[in-house]
PDB file of N, CA and C in Angstrom:
ATOM      1  N   MET A   1     176.930  -5.323  57.623  1.00  0.00           N
ATOM      2  CA  MET A   1     176.003  -6.320  58.102  1.00  0.00           C
ATOM      3  C   MET A   1     176.200  -6.575  59.588  1.00  0.00           C
ATOM      4  N   GLN A   2     175.210  -6.767  60.342  1.00  0.00           N
ATOM      5  CA  GLN A   2     175.320  -6.999  61.734  1.00  0.00           C
ATOM      6  C   GLN A   2     174.533  -8.267  62.152  1.00  0.00           C
ATOM      7  N   ARG A   3     175.187  -9.095  62.871  1.00  0.00           N
ATOM      8  CA  ARG A   3     174.510 -10.384  63.309  1.00  0.00           C
ATOM      9  C   ARG A   3     173.631 -10.006  64.484  1.00  0.00           C
ATOM     10  N   PHE A   4     172.748 -11.005  64.902  1.00  0.00           N
ATOM     11  CA  PHE A   4     171.876 -10.773  65.990  1.00  0.00           C
ATOM     12  C   PHE A   4     172.500 -10.559  67.289  1.00  0.00           C
ATOM     13  N   ASP A   5     173.771 -11.043  67.431  1.00  0.00           N
ATOM     14  CA  ASP A   5     174.446 -10.867  68.700  1.00  0.00           C
ATOM     15  C   ASP A   5     175.284  -9.508  68.707  1.00  0.00           C
ATOM     16  N   GLY A   6     175.179  -8.685  67.716  1.00  0.00           N
ATOM     17  CA  GLY A   6     175.875  -7.438  67.648  1.00  0.00           C
ATOM     18  C   GLY A   6     177.198  -7.496  66.874  1.00  0.00           C
ATOM     19  N   MET A   7     177.749  -8.550  66.490  1.00  0.00           N
ATOM     20  CA  MET A   7     178.963  -8.653  65.842  1.00  0.00           C
ATOM     21  C   MET A   7     178.811  -8.089  64.357  1.00  0.00           C
ATOM     22  N   VAL A   8     179.675  -7.176  64.048  1.00  0.00           N
ATOM     23  CA  VAL A   8     179.606  -6.520  62.746  1.00  0.00           C
ATOM     24  C   VAL A   8     180.452  -7.208  61.747  1.00  0.00           C
ATOM     25  N   ILE A   9     179.838  -7.545  60.546  1.00  0.00           N
ATOM     26  CA  ILE A   9     180.589  -8.262  59.395  1.00  0.00           C
ATOM     27  C   ILE A   9     180.696  -7.120  58.321  1.00  0.00           C
ATOM     28  N   VAL A  10     181.906  -6.988  57.821  1.00  0.00           N
ATOM     29  CA  VAL A  10     182.177  -5.958  56.788  1.00  0.00           C
ATOM     30  C   VAL A  10     182.339  -6.687  55.394  1.00  0.00           C
ATOM     31  N   PHE A  11     181.639  -6.339  54.479  1.00  0.00           N
ATOM     32  CA  PHE A  11     181.766  -6.786  53.086  1.00  0.00           C
ATOM     33  C   PHE A  11     182.446  -5.713  52.276  1.00  0.00           C
ATOM     34  N   PRO A  12     183.419  -6.032  51.511  1.00  0.00           N
ATOM     35  CA  PRO A  12     184.131  -5.004  50.648  1.00  0.00           C
ATOM     36  C   PRO A  12     183.191  -4.403  49.664  1.00  0.00           C
ATOM     37  N   ASP A  13     183.296  -3.238  49.274  1.00  0.00           N
ATOM     38  CA  ASP A  13     182.416  -2.541  48.315  1.00  0.00           C
ATOM     39  C   ASP A  13     183.244  -2.466  47.023  1.00  0.00           C
ATOM     40  N   HIS A  14     183.280  -3.622  46.294  1.00  0.00           N
ATOM     41  CA  HIS A  14     183.889  -3.751  44.985  1.00  0.00           C
ATOM     42  C   HIS A  14     182.991  -4.316  44.005  1.00  0.00           C
ATOM     43  N   LYS A  15     183.314  -4.127  42.666  1.00  0.00           N
ATOM     44  CA  LYS A  15     182.470  -4.762  41.678  1.00  0.00           C
ATOM     45  C   LYS A  15     182.543  -6.288  41.789  1.00  0.00           C
ATOM     46  N   GLU A  16     183.731  -6.847  42.102  1.00  0.00           N
ATOM     47  CA  GLU A  16     183.921  -8.240  42.262  1.00  0.00           C
ATOM     48  C   GLU A  16     184.569  -8.443  43.652  1.00  0.00           C
ATOM     49  N   ILE A  17     184.147  -9.475  44.309  1.00  0.00           N
ATOM     50  CA  ILE A  17     184.749  -9.838  45.612  1.00  0.00           C
ATOM     51  C   ILE A  17     185.438 -11.192  45.451  1.00  0.00           C
ATOM     52  N   ASP A  18     186.703 -11.305  45.911  1.00  0.00           N
ATOM     53  CA  ASP A  18     187.440 -12.629  45.855  1.00  0.00           C
ATOM     54  C   ASP A  18     186.513 -13.678  46.536  1.00  0.00           C
ATOM     55  N   ARG A  19     186.521 -14.857  45.984  1.00  0.00           N
ATOM     56  CA  ARG A  19     185.663 -15.890  46.551  1.00  0.00           C
ATOM     57  C   ARG A  19     186.104 -16.264  47.988  1.00  0.00           C
ATOM     58  N   TRP A  20     187.301 -16.207  48.249  1.00  0.00           N
ATOM     59  CA  TRP A  20     187.768 -16.549  49.663  1.00  0.00           C
ATOM     60  C   TRP A  20     187.310 -15.409  50.645  1.00  0.00           C
ATOM     61  N   THR A  21     187.289 -14.174  50.212  1.00  0.00           N
ATOM     62  CA  THR A  21     186.886 -13.083  51.057  1.00  0.00           C
ATOM     63  C   THR A  21     185.360 -13.263  51.371  1.00  0.00           C
ATOM     64  N   LEU A  22     184.614 -13.610  50.278  1.00  0.00           N
ATOM     65  CA  LEU A  22     183.152 -13.781  50.499  1.00  0.00           C
ATOM     66  C   LEU A  22     182.951 -14.969  51.419  1.00  0.00           C
ATOM     67  N   LYS A  23     183.630 -16.105  51.176  1.00  0.00           N
ATOM     68  CA  LYS A  23     183.455 -17.277  52.015  1.00  0.00           C
ATOM     69  C   LYS A  23     183.713 -17.022  53.467  1.00  0.00           C
ATOM     70  N   ASP A  24     184.796 -16.240  53.769  1.00  0.00           N
ATOM     71  CA  ASP A  24     185.210 -15.884  55.092  1.00  0.00           C
ATOM     72  C   ASP A  24     184.081 -14.951  55.765  1.00  0.00           C
ATOM     73  N   ALA A  25     183.556 -13.949  55.016  1.00  0.00           N
ATOM     74  CA  ALA A  25     182.584 -13.173  55.484  1.00  0.00           C
ATOM     75  C   ALA A  25     181.244 -13.898  55.796  1.00  0.00           C
ATOM     76  N   LEU A  26     180.912 -14.806  54.946  1.00  0.00           N
ATOM     77  CA  LEU A  26     179.730 -15.622  55.145  1.00  0.00           C
ATOM     78  C   LEU A  26     179.916 -16.497  56.436  1.00  0.00           C
ATOM     79  N   LYS A  27     181.106 -17.005  56.550  1.00  0.00           N
ATOM     80  CA  LYS A  27     181.347 -17.859  57.734  1.00  0.00           C
ATOM     81  C   LYS A  27     181.239 -17.019  58.962  1.00  0.00           C
ATOM     82  N   ASP A  28     181.813 -15.839  59.003  1.00  0.00           N
ATOM     83  CA  ASP A  28     181.764 -14.909  60.149  1.00  0.00           C
ATOM     84  C   ASP A  28     180.318 -14.582  60.448  1.00  0.00           C
ATOM     85  N   ALA A  29     179.530 -14.407  59.397  1.00  0.00           N
ATOM     86  CA  ALA A  29     178.039 -14.023  59.564  1.00  0.00           C
ATOM     87  C   ALA A  29     177.173 -15.267  59.932  1.00  0.00           C
ATOM     88  N   GLU A  30     177.848 -16.471  59.926  1.00  0.00           N
ATOM     89  CA  GLU A  30     177.155 -17.738  60.101  1.00  0.00           C
ATOM     90  C   GLU A  30     175.957 -17.887  59.152  1.00  0.00           C
ATOM     91  N   ILE A  31     176.328 -17.594  57.850  1.00  0.00           N
ATOM     92  CA  ILE A  31     175.317 -17.718  56.789  1.00  0.00           C
ATOM     93  C   ILE A  31     175.821 -18.903  55.834  1.00  0.00           C
ATOM     94  N   ASP A  32     174.984 -19.874  55.607  1.00  0.00           N
ATOM     95  CA  ASP A  32     175.352 -21.015  54.721  1.00  0.00           C
ATOM     96  C   ASP A  32     175.532 -20.533  53.306  1.00  0.00           C
ATOM     97  N   GLU A  33     176.413 -21.003  52.516  1.00  0.00           N
ATOM     98  CA  GLU A  33     176.566 -20.581  51.164  1.00  0.00           C
ATOM     99  C   GLU A  33     175.353 -20.808  50.318  1.00  0.00           C
ATOM    100  N   ALA A  34     174.666 -21.967  50.556  1.00  0.00           N
ATOM    101  CA  ALA A  34     173.494 -22.340  49.791  1.00  0.00           C
ATOM    102  C   ALA A  34     172.321 -21.372  50.101  1.00  0.00           C
ATOM    103  N   GLU A  35     172.224 -20.963  51.371  1.00  0.00           N
ATOM    104  CA  GLU A  35     171.242 -19.994  51.815  1.00  0.00           C
ATOM    105  C   GLU A  35     171.481 -18.646  51.158  1.00  0.00           C
ATOM    106  N   PHE A  36     172.781 -18.186  51.180  1.00  0.00           N
ATOM    107  CA  PHE A  36     173.204 -16.910  50.536  1.00  0.00           C
ATOM    108  C   PHE A  36     172.824 -16.936  49.070  1.00  0.00           C
ATOM    109  N   LEU A  37     173.203 -17.967  48.315  1.00  0.00           N
ATOM    110  CA  LEU A  37     172.904 -18.027  46.897  1.00  0.00           C
ATOM    111  C   LEU A  37     171.354 -18.072  46.661  1.00  0.00           C
ATOM    112  N   LYS A  38     170.611 -18.730  47.497  1.00  0.00           N
ATOM    113  CA  LYS A  38     169.125 -18.765  47.282  1.00  0.00           C
ATOM    114  C   LYS A  38     168.508 -17.363  47.475  1.00  0.00           C
ATOM    115  N   ASN A  39     169.174 -16.432  48.289  1.00  0.00           N
ATOM    116  CA  ASN A  39     168.619 -15.201  48.594  1.00  0.00           C
ATOM    117  C   ASN A  39     169.192 -14.025  47.795  1.00  0.00           C
ATOM    118  N   ILE A  40     170.098 -14.256  46.853  1.00  0.00           N
ATOM    119  CA  ILE A  40     170.660 -13.202  46.019  1.00  0.00           C
ATOM    120  C   ILE A  40     169.900 -13.081  44.767  1.00  0.00           C
TER     121      ILE A  40
END
């Protein structure tokens, strides 16, 4: 995933992702948890 400013965010390719890993990735991507949940 790449942000508009060019920063690359890497999400692990696993069947399950640890909740803290996901939270950190969303924080790095500047995506609100509620927005993420709405769009999945």
